[in-house]
Each structure stands twice: as structure tokens, then as C-alpha cells.
């Protein structure tokens, strides 16, 4: 089983960083959820190969994690498109950065 990843770990961290700098938590929360799901998936993969574990349990968790991760990746793509984040750098658009700074 493999976990399909549309966004790299570095891209996820960049979105989180952008959210912290400009106080825009929503895309960063989606990115954090994806990061957590990746950790859960990796953990299940190690449990699958640990002798004495019931592989069915860990396969079920891994399968559900794959589905949840795919949904969150679709969500991330939709949010970034709606808000017009730069598709290459994943930088927050200037208008959102300014809006967040104005609210401070």
C-alpha cells in the first residue's frame, strides 16, 4: 500500500508557515491535517510488518487514512485555487497577506 501525495512534505510545511506568518489558519489547518494523516499512515505501515500484530487492524486503519488523505488533498487544492495561491511556490496571494496584516 502506498499513500498518494499530490503535495510534498516541504509544500505542506510552506503552507503552514505562510499561515503562521500572515495569521491565516484555514489552509494551514488543512495542511496540518494532511501532515498528521501521513504520520498515521507511516505508523500503520510499521505496525503491518511488526510480528504478532493483527495485520487486518493496521490495514484497515491504513486504508481509511489513504481515503481521508485523498479527501484532504482535494480540499487543499480547491482552497488554494479559490484563494489564488501561487501554484508553483504555494505563496499566499498578496491581497490575502495584506488583508491579514491590516487586521492586526
Protein backbone atom coordinates (compact mmCIF):
# COMPACT_ATOMS: atom_id res chain seq x y z
CA UNK A 1 0.00 0.00 0.00
CA UNK A 2 1.26 3.46 -0.83
CA UNK A 3 -0.06 6.87 0.09
CA UNK A 4 -0.62 9.06 -2.96
CA UNK A 5 0.80 12.52 -2.32
CA UNK A 6 -0.07 15.44 -4.56
CA UNK A 7 1.76 17.86 -2.24
CA UNK A 8 5.27 17.25 -0.94
CA UNK A 9 6.09 17.48 2.76
CA UNK A 10 8.01 20.69 2.00
CA UNK A 11 4.98 22.20 0.27
CA UNK A 12 2.77 21.34 3.23
CA UNK A 13 5.25 22.95 5.62
CA UNK A 14 5.36 26.05 3.40
CA UNK A 15 1.57 26.46 3.53
CA UNK A 16 1.67 26.07 7.32
CA UNK A 17 4.45 28.65 7.52
CA UNK A 18 2.53 31.08 5.32
CA UNK A 19 -0.49 30.66 7.58
CA UNK A 20 1.53 31.38 10.70
CA UNK A 21 3.24 34.45 9.24
CA UNK A 22 0.04 36.01 7.92
CA UNK A 23 -2.35 34.73 10.60
CA UNK A 24 -4.47 32.80 8.10
CA UNK A 25 -5.13 29.49 9.77
CA UNK A 26 -7.58 27.68 7.49
CA UNK A 27 -5.25 26.45 4.70
CA UNK A 28 -2.62 25.74 7.36
CA UNK A 29 -5.10 23.59 9.30
CA UNK A 30 -5.78 21.53 6.18
CA UNK A 31 -2.01 21.15 5.71
CA UNK A 32 -1.59 20.11 9.35
CA UNK A 33 -4.33 17.51 8.95
CA UNK A 34 -2.52 16.12 5.92
CA UNK A 35 0.75 16.02 7.87
CA UNK A 36 -0.95 14.13 10.71
CA UNK A 37 -2.54 11.66 8.31
CA UNK A 38 0.86 11.00 6.73
CA UNK A 39 2.27 10.27 10.18
CA UNK A 40 -0.61 7.93 10.97
CA UNK A 41 -0.17 6.14 7.64
CA UNK A 42 3.58 5.69 8.20
CA UNK A 43 2.93 4.37 11.69
CA UNK A 44 0.45 1.81 10.35
CA UNK A 45 2.96 0.66 7.77
CA UNK A 46 5.44 -0.11 10.55
CA UNK A 47 2.72 -1.92 12.51
CA UNK A 48 1.90 -4.04 9.46
CA UNK A 49 5.39 -5.52 9.46
CA UNK A 50 5.68 -5.98 13.22
CA UNK A 51 5.41 -9.64 14.12
CA UNK A 52 2.49 -10.51 16.35
CA UNK A 53 0.25 -7.66 15.20
CA UNK A 54 -3.06 -8.39 13.52
CA UNK A 55 -2.37 -7.05 10.03
CA UNK A 56 -6.10 -6.67 9.38
CA UNK A 57 -6.36 -3.94 12.00
CA UNK A 58 -3.47 -1.92 10.60
CA UNK A 59 -4.51 -2.48 7.00
CA UNK A 60 -7.99 -1.15 7.84
CA UNK A 61 -6.52 1.94 9.50
CA UNK A 62 -4.11 2.48 6.61
CA UNK A 63 -6.92 2.15 4.07
CA UNK A 64 -9.09 4.70 5.91
CA UNK A 65 -6.09 7.01 6.22
CA UNK A 66 -5.49 6.81 2.47
CA UNK A 67 -9.10 7.83 1.82
CA UNK A 68 -9.01 10.68 4.33
CA UNK A 69 -5.69 11.93 2.95
CA UNK A 70 -7.02 11.95 -0.61
CA UNK A 71 -10.05 13.98 0.51
CA UNK A 72 -7.83 16.49 2.33
CA UNK A 73 -5.51 16.81 -0.67
CA UNK A 74 -8.51 17.57 -2.87
CA UNK A 75 -9.65 20.10 -0.28
CA UNK A 76 -6.21 21.72 -0.20
CA UNK A 77 -6.13 22.02 -3.97
CA UNK A 78 -9.61 23.56 -4.02
CA UNK A 79 -8.80 26.06 -1.24
CA UNK A 80 -5.53 27.14 -2.85
CA UNK A 81 -7.29 27.58 -6.18
CA UNK A 82 -10.19 29.56 -4.69
CA UNK A 83 -7.83 31.85 -2.77
CA UNK A 84 -5.47 32.08 -5.78
CA UNK A 85 -2.30 30.94 -4.05
CA UNK A 86 0.71 30.72 -6.37
CA UNK A 87 0.51 27.18 -7.81
CA UNK A 88 4.31 26.84 -8.10
CA UNK A 89 5.63 28.44 -4.90
CA UNK A 90 2.46 27.97 -2.83
CA UNK A 91 2.87 31.53 -1.58
CA UNK A 92 -0.24 33.18 -0.23
CA UNK A 93 -1.53 35.84 -2.65
CA UNK A 94 -0.61 39.44 -1.87
CA UNK A 95 -4.22 40.51 -1.31
CA UNK A 96 -4.68 37.93 1.45
CA UNK A 97 -1.35 38.77 3.05
CA UNK A 98 -2.29 42.44 3.10
CA UNK A 99 -5.76 41.74 4.46
CA UNK A 100 -4.33 39.72 7.31
CA UNK A 101 -1.77 42.44 8.09
CA UNK A 102 -4.48 45.13 8.01
CA UNK A 103 -6.49 43.19 10.58
CA UNK A 104 -3.60 43.20 13.04
